[in-house]
Amino acid sequence: MDAYPEFYNLSLSRYSCRNYSPAPVPEDTLAAVLDAARLAPSACNRQPWLFIVADADDEREAVQSSYAREWIRTAPHYIIACGLHDEAWHRAADGKDHTDVDVSIAVEHLCLAASAMHLGTCWVCNFDTEVIRKAFRLPDSMEPVAIIPIGFPAEGTEAPAKTRKPLSEIVRRGKF
């Protein structure tokens, strides 16, 4: 239980950053954040994901053109989280593909690790997948699931107040 307050505070302090410093993130820091994603659990340990780090000018331009909000331009790096449906576990009872679940778990590991290293991130899911698919020459079997802008928050950026439903609204024991 000694580590729980640290984890709770990390979870409490993590927010969707929408204003970044132009300073690049050191390569070893990016590697550490990506390693946290690698360590994430997945159904049957299939790890049906691939993470593309996009920070060259043409790559940045492609990401920016896939998402029409101006704030995304401030991030020095983008991580494109891709799902590999052919490698994912599928539930036998109904065939449910767990790619999105597994990728989401890995991305949140990445985001929490970034927060622990004083980096900002934001989940971006409302983007033009075809722009990303074409710009990064993704094979048909690979789906771009989310774009994660990552970098140091701009000076003066503060985390907004976190509002969440109380446990009583989201937890139920037993049957309905």
C-alpha atoms as a PDB file:
ATOM      1  CA  MET A   1       0.000   0.000   0.000  1.00  0.00           C
ATOM      2  CA  ASP A   2       2.991   2.336   0.334  1.00  0.00           C
ATOM      3  CA  ALA A   3       3.100   3.046  -3.403  1.00  0.00           C
ATOM      4  CA  TYR A   4      -0.638   3.588  -3.807  1.00  0.00           C
ATOM      5  CA  PRO A   5      -0.622   7.302  -2.890  1.00  0.00           C
ATOM      6  CA  GLU A   6       2.053   7.869  -5.560  1.00  0.00           C
ATOM      7  CA  PHE A   7      -0.014   6.065  -8.184  1.00  0.00           C
ATOM      8  CA  TYR A   8      -3.192   7.838  -7.119  1.00  0.00           C
ATOM      9  CA  ASN A   9      -1.460  11.220  -7.360  1.00  0.00           C
ATOM     10  CA  LEU A  10      -0.056  10.298 -10.778  1.00  0.00           C
ATOM     11  CA  SER A  11      -3.548   9.346 -11.963  1.00  0.00           C
ATOM     12  CA  LEU A  12      -4.954  12.532 -10.489  1.00  0.00           C
ATOM     13  CA  SER A  13      -2.307  14.751 -12.090  1.00  0.00           C
ATOM     14  CA  ARG A  14      -2.423  13.225 -15.602  1.00  0.00           C
ATOM     15  CA  TYR A  15      -4.407  15.429 -17.970  1.00  0.00           C
ATOM     16  CA  SER A  16      -4.932  16.044 -21.686  1.00  0.00           C
ATOM     17  CA  CYS A  17      -2.235  18.576 -22.538  1.00  0.00           C
ATOM     18  CA  ARG A  18      -3.062  20.914 -25.407  1.00  0.00           C
ATOM     19  CA  ASN A  19      -0.129  23.321 -25.274  1.00  0.00           C
ATOM     20  CA  TYR A  20       3.465  22.106 -25.604  1.00  0.00           C
ATOM     21  CA  SER A  21       6.929  23.555 -25.432  1.00  0.00           C
ATOM     22  CA  PRO A  22       8.780  23.245 -28.760  1.00  0.00           C
ATOM     23  CA  ALA A  23      11.698  21.585 -26.929  1.00  0.00           C
ATOM     24  CA  PRO A  24      12.224  18.025 -28.187  1.00  0.00           C
ATOM     25  CA  VAL A  25      11.914  15.141 -25.763  1.00  0.00           C
ATOM     26  CA  PRO A  26      15.252  13.337 -25.317  1.00  0.00           C
ATOM     27  CA  GLU A  27      15.401   9.998 -27.160  1.00  0.00           C
ATOM     28  CA  ASP A  28      16.022   8.021 -23.976  1.00  0.00           C
ATOM     29  CA  THR A  29      12.926   9.567 -22.390  1.00  0.00           C
ATOM     30  CA  LEU A  30      10.792   8.695 -25.429  1.00  0.00           C
ATOM     31  CA  ALA A  31      12.199   5.173 -25.319  1.00  0.00           C
ATOM     32  CA  ALA A  32      11.313   4.841 -21.624  1.00  0.00           C
ATOM     33  CA  VAL A  33       7.733   5.984 -22.273  1.00  0.00           C
ATOM     34  CA  LEU A  34       7.384   3.558 -25.182  1.00  0.00           C
ATOM     35  CA  ASP A  35       8.832   0.775 -23.038  1.00  0.00           C
ATOM     36  CA  ALA A  36       5.996   1.305 -20.557  1.00  0.00           C
ATOM     37  CA  ALA A  37       3.566   0.648 -23.428  1.00  0.00           C
ATOM     38  CA  ARG A  38       5.487  -2.511 -24.300  1.00  0.00           C
ATOM     39  CA  LEU A  39       5.006  -3.769 -20.746  1.00  0.00           C
ATOM     40  CA  ALA A  40       1.223  -3.340 -20.845  1.00  0.00           C
ATOM     41  CA  PRO A  41      -0.945  -6.438 -20.598  1.00  0.00           C
ATOM     42  CA  SER A  42      -2.914  -7.665 -23.587  1.00  0.00           C
ATOM     43  CA  ALA A  43      -5.334 -10.508 -24.222  1.00  0.00           C
ATOM     44  CA  CYS A  44      -3.316 -13.743 -24.350  1.00  0.00           C
ATOM     45  CA  ASN A  45      -0.188 -11.540 -24.410  1.00  0.00           C
ATOM     46  CA  ARG A  46      -0.611 -11.023 -28.163  1.00  0.00           C
ATOM     47  CA  GLN A  47       0.516  -7.368 -28.041  1.00  0.00           C
ATOM     48  CA  PRO A  48      -1.339  -6.481 -31.263  1.00  0.00           C
ATOM     49  CA  TRP A  49       0.163  -3.021 -31.586  1.00  0.00           C
ATOM     50  CA  LEU A  50       2.808  -0.945 -33.255  1.00  0.00           C
ATOM     51  CA  PHE A  51       3.787   2.579 -32.236  1.00  0.00           C
ATOM     52  CA  ILE A  52       5.059   5.001 -34.860  1.00  0.00           C
ATOM     53  CA  VAL A  53       7.043   7.986 -33.596  1.00  0.00           C
ATOM     54  CA  ALA A  54       6.439  10.873 -35.968  1.00  0.00           C
ATOM     55  CA  ASP A  55       8.624  13.938 -35.622  1.00  0.00           C
ATOM     56  CA  ALA A  56      10.235  14.614 -39.017  1.00  0.00           C
ATOM     57  CA  ASP A  57       8.769  17.659 -40.756  1.00  0.00           C
ATOM     58  CA  ASP A  58       6.804  15.693 -43.372  1.00  0.00           C
ATOM     59  CA  GLU A  59       5.504  13.295 -40.714  1.00  0.00           C
ATOM     60  CA  ARG A  60       4.417  16.184 -38.483  1.00  0.00           C
ATOM     61  CA  GLU A  61       2.661  17.795 -41.424  1.00  0.00           C
ATOM     62  CA  ALA A  62       0.769  14.574 -42.169  1.00  0.00           C
ATOM     63  CA  VAL A  63      -0.386  14.223 -38.563  1.00  0.00           C
ATOM     64  CA  GLN A  64      -1.396  17.868 -38.423  1.00  0.00           C
ATOM     65  CA  SER A  65      -3.373  17.597 -41.654  1.00  0.00           C
ATOM     66  CA  SER A  66      -5.251  14.576 -40.262  1.00  0.00           C
ATOM     67  CA  TYR A  67      -6.592  16.590 -37.319  1.00  0.00           C
ATOM     68  CA  ALA A  68      -7.934  20.095 -37.844  1.00  0.00           C
ATOM     69  CA  ARG A  69      -7.273  21.636 -34.445  1.00  0.00           C
ATOM     70  CA  GLU A  70      -4.500  24.197 -34.194  1.00  0.00           C
ATOM     71  CA  TRP A  71      -3.195  23.179 -30.752  1.00  0.00           C
ATOM     72  CA  ILE A  72      -1.820  19.869 -32.066  1.00  0.00           C
ATOM     73  CA  ARG A  73       0.865  21.808 -33.968  1.00  0.00           C
ATOM     74  CA  THR A  74       2.542  22.733 -30.678  1.00  0.00           C
ATOM     75  CA  ALA A  75       3.615  19.153 -29.865  1.00  0.00           C
ATOM     76  CA  PRO A  76       7.183  18.299 -30.890  1.00  0.00           C
ATOM     77  CA  HIS A  77       6.429  14.585 -31.335  1.00  0.00           C
ATOM     78  CA  TYR A  78       3.474  12.373 -32.136  1.00  0.00           C
ATOM     79  CA  ILE A  79       3.058   8.712 -31.365  1.00  0.00           C
ATOM     80  CA  ILE A  80       0.640   6.945 -33.676  1.00  0.00           C
ATOM     81  CA  ALA A  81      -0.783   3.897 -31.937  1.00  0.00           C
ATOM     82  CA  CYS A  82      -1.703   1.241 -34.473  1.00  0.00           C
ATOM     83  CA  GLY A  83      -3.673  -1.935 -33.979  1.00  0.00           C
ATOM     84  CA  LEU A  84      -2.803  -5.215 -35.644  1.00  0.00           C
ATOM     85  CA  HIS A  85      -6.144  -6.977 -35.987  1.00  0.00           C
ATOM     86  CA  ASP A  86      -4.585 -10.098 -37.510  1.00  0.00           C
ATOM     87  CA  GLU A  87      -2.458 -10.591 -34.389  1.00  0.00           C
ATOM     88  CA  ALA A  88      -5.141  -9.860 -31.785  1.00  0.00           C
ATOM     89  CA  TRP A  89      -6.980 -12.345 -29.642  1.00  0.00           C
ATOM     90  CA  HIS A  90     -10.609 -12.885 -30.628  1.00  0.00           C
ATOM     91  CA  ARG A  91     -13.081 -14.123 -28.040  1.00  0.00           C
ATOM     92  CA  ALA A  92     -14.375 -17.581 -29.016  1.00  0.00           C
ATOM     93  CA  ALA A  93     -17.955 -17.035 -27.829  1.00  0.00           C
ATOM     94  CA  ASP A  94     -18.704 -14.123 -30.162  1.00  0.00           C
ATOM     95  CA  GLY A  95     -15.532 -13.395 -32.149  1.00  0.00           C
ATOM     96  CA  LYS A  96     -14.935 -10.042 -30.428  1.00  0.00           C
ATOM     97  CA  ASP A  97     -11.639  -8.576 -31.609  1.00  0.00           C
ATOM     98  CA  HIS A  98      -9.662  -7.190 -28.641  1.00  0.00           C
ATOM     99  CA  THR A  99      -7.313  -4.976 -30.659  1.00  0.00           C
ATOM    100  CA  ASP A 100      -8.854  -1.701 -29.501  1.00  0.00           C
ATOM    101  CA  VAL A 101      -8.912  -2.847 -25.878  1.00  0.00           C
ATOM    102  CA  ASP A 102      -5.279  -3.949 -25.966  1.00  0.00           C
ATOM    103  CA  VAL A 103      -4.046  -0.831 -27.758  1.00  0.00           C
ATOM    104  CA  SER A 104      -5.959   1.344 -25.286  1.00  0.00           C
ATOM    105  CA  ILE A 105      -4.336  -0.351 -22.312  1.00  0.00           C
ATOM    106  CA  ALA A 106      -0.877   0.146 -23.840  1.00  0.00           C
ATOM    107  CA  VAL A 107      -1.556   3.793 -24.716  1.00  0.00           C
ATOM    108  CA  GLU A 108      -2.688   4.584 -21.199  1.00  0.00           C
ATOM    109  CA  HIS A 109       0.474   2.938 -19.823  1.00  0.00           C
ATOM    110  CA  LEU A 110       2.389   5.237 -22.185  1.00  0.00           C
ATOM    111  CA  CYS A 111       0.429   8.306 -21.044  1.00  0.00           C
ATOM    112  CA  LEU A 112       0.911   7.549 -17.353  1.00  0.00           C
ATOM    113  CA  ALA A 113       4.636   6.946 -17.874  1.00  0.00           C
ATOM    114  CA  ALA A 114       4.878  10.242 -19.756  1.00  0.00           C
ATOM    115  CA  SER A 115       3.100  12.031 -16.926  1.00  0.00           C
ATOM    116  CA  ALA A 116       5.484  10.480 -14.397  1.00  0.00           C
ATOM    117  CA  MET A 117       8.346  11.938 -16.473  1.00  0.00           C
ATOM    118  CA  HIS A 118       6.711  15.418 -16.500  1.00  0.00           C
ATOM    119  CA  LEU A 119       5.612  15.140 -20.124  1.00  0.00           C
ATOM    120  CA  GLY A 120       2.222  16.056 -21.489  1.00  0.00           C
ATOM    121  CA  THR A 121       0.085  13.814 -23.690  1.00  0.00           C
ATOM    122  CA  CYS A 122      -3.402  13.837 -25.126  1.00  0.00           C
ATOM    123  CA  TRP A 123      -5.477  11.077 -26.685  1.00  0.00           C
ATOM    124  CA  VAL A 124      -6.539  12.094 -30.207  1.00  0.00           C
ATOM    125  CA  CYS A 125      -9.037   9.712 -31.769  1.00  0.00           C
ATOM    126  CA  ASN A 126     -10.978  12.102 -34.034  1.00  0.00           C
ATOM    127  CA  PHE A 127      -8.569  12.180 -36.978  1.00  0.00           C
ATOM    128  CA  ASP A 128      -8.624  11.202 -40.635  1.00  0.00           C
ATOM    129  CA  THR A 129      -7.296   7.656 -40.603  1.00  0.00           C
ATOM    130  CA  GLU A 130      -6.839   7.616 -44.378  1.00  0.00           C
ATOM    131  CA  VAL A 131      -4.435  10.569 -44.227  1.00  0.00           C
ATOM    132  CA  ILE A 132      -2.331   8.686 -41.657  1.00  0.00           C
ATOM    133  CA  ARG A 133      -2.628   5.380 -43.514  1.00  0.00           C
ATOM    134  CA  LYS A 134      -1.380   6.954 -46.751  1.00  0.00           C
ATOM    135  CA  ALA A 135       1.325   9.195 -45.244  1.00  0.00           C
ATOM    136  CA  PHE A 136       2.889   6.352 -43.248  1.00  0.00           C
ATOM    137  CA  ARG A 137       2.216   3.637 -45.859  1.00  0.00           C
ATOM    138  CA  LEU A 138       0.354   1.426 -43.387  1.00  0.00           C
ATOM    139  CA  PRO A 139      -0.538  -2.053 -44.596  1.00  0.00           C
ATOM    140  CA  ASP A 140      -4.234  -2.940 -44.781  1.00  0.00           C
ATOM    141  CA  SER A 141      -3.892  -5.155 -41.708  1.00  0.00           C
ATOM    142  CA  MET A 142      -2.816  -2.181 -39.557  1.00  0.00           C
ATOM    143  CA  GLU A 143      -5.314   0.340 -38.175  1.00  0.00           C
ATOM    144  CA  PRO A 144      -4.286   3.744 -36.820  1.00  0.00           C
ATOM    145  CA  VAL A 145      -6.221   3.822 -33.526  1.00  0.00           C
ATOM    146  CA  ALA A 146      -5.011   6.989 -31.803  1.00  0.00           C
ATOM    147  CA  ILE A 147      -2.511   9.787 -32.123  1.00  0.00           C
ATOM    148  CA  ILE A 148      -0.733  10.811 -28.941  1.00  0.00           C
ATOM    149  CA  PRO A 149       0.947  14.233 -29.099  1.00  0.00           C
ATOM    150  CA  ILE A 150       3.796  14.186 -26.583  1.00  0.00           C
ATOM    151  CA  GLY A 151       6.164  16.798 -25.230  1.00  0.00           C
ATOM    152  CA  PHE A 152       6.916  19.050 -22.303  1.00  0.00           C
ATOM    153  CA  PRO A 153       3.914  21.200 -21.401  1.00  0.00           C
ATOM    154  CA  ALA A 154       4.421  24.847 -22.396  1.00  0.00           C
ATOM    155  CA  GLU A 155       5.499  27.177 -19.627  1.00  0.00           C
ATOM    156  CA  GLY A 156       2.500  28.369 -17.657  1.00  0.00           C
ATOM    157  CA  THR A 157       0.316  25.437 -18.704  1.00  0.00           C
ATOM    158  CA  GLU A 158      -1.699  24.175 -15.768  1.00  0.00           C
ATOM    159  CA  ALA A 159      -3.717  21.022 -15.444  1.00  0.00           C
ATOM    160  CA  PRO A 160      -7.424  21.783 -15.438  1.00  0.00           C
ATOM    161  CA  ALA A 161      -9.520  20.761 -12.453  1.00  0.00           C
ATOM    162  CA  LYS A 162     -10.396  17.102 -12.786  1.00  0.00           C
ATOM    163  CA  THR A 163     -14.085  16.353 -12.657  1.00  0.00           C
ATOM    164  CA  ARG A 164     -15.190  12.754 -12.596  1.00  0.00           C
ATOM    165  CA  LYS A 165     -18.347  10.943 -11.594  1.00  0.00           C
ATOM    166  CA  PRO A 166     -18.365   9.698  -8.008  1.00  0.00           C
ATOM    167  CA  LEU A 167     -17.791   5.981  -7.398  1.00  0.00           C
ATOM    168  CA  SER A 168     -21.438   5.613  -6.420  1.00  0.00           C
ATOM    169  CA  GLU A 169     -22.439   6.385 -10.018  1.00  0.00           C
ATOM    170  CA  ILE A 170     -20.004   4.034 -11.728  1.00  0.00           C
ATOM    171  CA  VAL A 171     -19.758   1.011  -9.427  1.00  0.00           C
ATOM    172  CA  ARG A 172     -22.461  -1.525  -8.709  1.00  0.00           C
ATOM    173  CA  ARG A 173     -22.219  -4.802  -6.881  1.00  0.00           C
ATOM    174  CA  GLY A 174     -24.172  -7.756  -8.057  1.00  0.00           C
ATOM    175  CA  LYS A 175     -27.190  -7.836 -10.351  1.00  0.00           C
ATOM    176  CA  PHE A 176     -29.368  -5.076 -11.717  1.00  0.00           C
END
